[in-house]
Protein backbone atom coordinates (compact mmCIF):
# COMPACT_ATOMS: atom_id res chain seq x y z
CA MET A 1 8.17 -12.31 5.10
CA LYS A 2 8.09 -12.25 1.76
CA GLN A 3 5.51 -9.08 0.53
CA PRO A 4 2.68 -9.63 -1.14
CA PHE A 5 1.58 -6.44 -3.23
CA ARG A 6 5.47 -5.26 -3.57
CA LEU A 7 5.11 -5.60 -7.43
CA ARG A 8 2.00 -3.39 -7.38
CA THR A 9 4.11 -0.64 -5.23
CA LYS A 10 6.58 -0.70 -7.69
CA ILE A 11 3.92 -0.40 -10.48
CA ARG A 12 2.19 2.58 -8.84
CA LYS A 13 5.85 4.34 -8.59
CA ILE A 14 6.20 4.96 -12.35
CA LEU A 15 2.57 5.65 -13.15
CA PRO A 16 0.91 8.42 -13.80
CA TRP A 17 -1.54 9.34 -11.21
CA PHE A 18 -4.56 9.79 -13.28
CA LEU A 19 -4.15 5.71 -13.73
CA ILE A 20 -3.85 5.07 -10.47
CA ASP A 21 -7.02 6.64 -10.15
CA MET A 22 -8.73 4.78 -12.30
CA GLY A 23 -7.73 1.65 -10.40
CA ILE A 24 -4.98 0.19 -12.06
CA ALA A 25 -2.25 -0.94 -9.62
CA SER A 26 -4.40 -0.17 -6.52
CA LYS A 27 -3.28 -1.27 -3.27
CA GLY A 28 -4.20 -4.74 -1.64
CA ASP A 29 -6.72 -4.90 1.15
CA ASP A 30 -4.44 -6.04 3.80
CA CYS A 31 -0.81 -7.72 3.82
CA GLU A 32 -1.26 -9.96 6.93
CA LYS A 33 -4.54 -11.68 5.07
CA TYR A 34 -1.77 -13.06 2.52
CA VAL A 35 0.56 -13.58 5.38
CA GLY A 36 2.99 -10.58 4.51
CA GLU A 37 4.09 -7.86 6.83
CA HIS A 38 3.14 -3.99 6.65
CA GLU A 39 5.45 -1.27 5.94
CA TRP A 40 4.17 1.71 7.68
CA TYR A 41 4.52 5.89 6.38
CA ASN A 42 3.28 8.58 8.11
CA ILE A 43 0.17 10.06 6.57
CA ASP A 44 -0.50 13.11 8.37
CA ASN A 45 1.47 12.79 12.50
CA GLU A 46 -2.11 11.05 13.38
CA TYR A 47 -2.55 7.80 11.23
CA SER A 48 -0.02 5.63 9.95
CA GLY A 49 -0.56 3.73 6.60
CA CYS A 50 0.89 0.73 4.73
CA TYR A 51 3.00 1.30 1.79
CA HIS A 52 1.31 -2.08 -0.28
CA CYS A 53 -2.30 -2.00 1.05
CA GLN A 54 -5.45 -0.14 2.27
CA ILE A 55 -4.77 -0.46 5.84
CA ALA A 56 -4.10 2.42 8.39
CA LYS A 57 -3.88 2.89 12.08
CA LYS A 58 -3.62 5.33 14.76
CA ARG A 59 0.12 6.02 16.12
């Protein structure tokens, strides 16, 4: 499936953190809402978060 927020993720990789904290290229709200798929990473061994949106779930 197409990832609707992939471009934002690429932009976040090259921007300085202070610009990201200001809201430039922030994460989307929910990949599935826009017919995309989540791509998960381990946040803290208890929760997993999506690279592209703000969704986090308990493992």
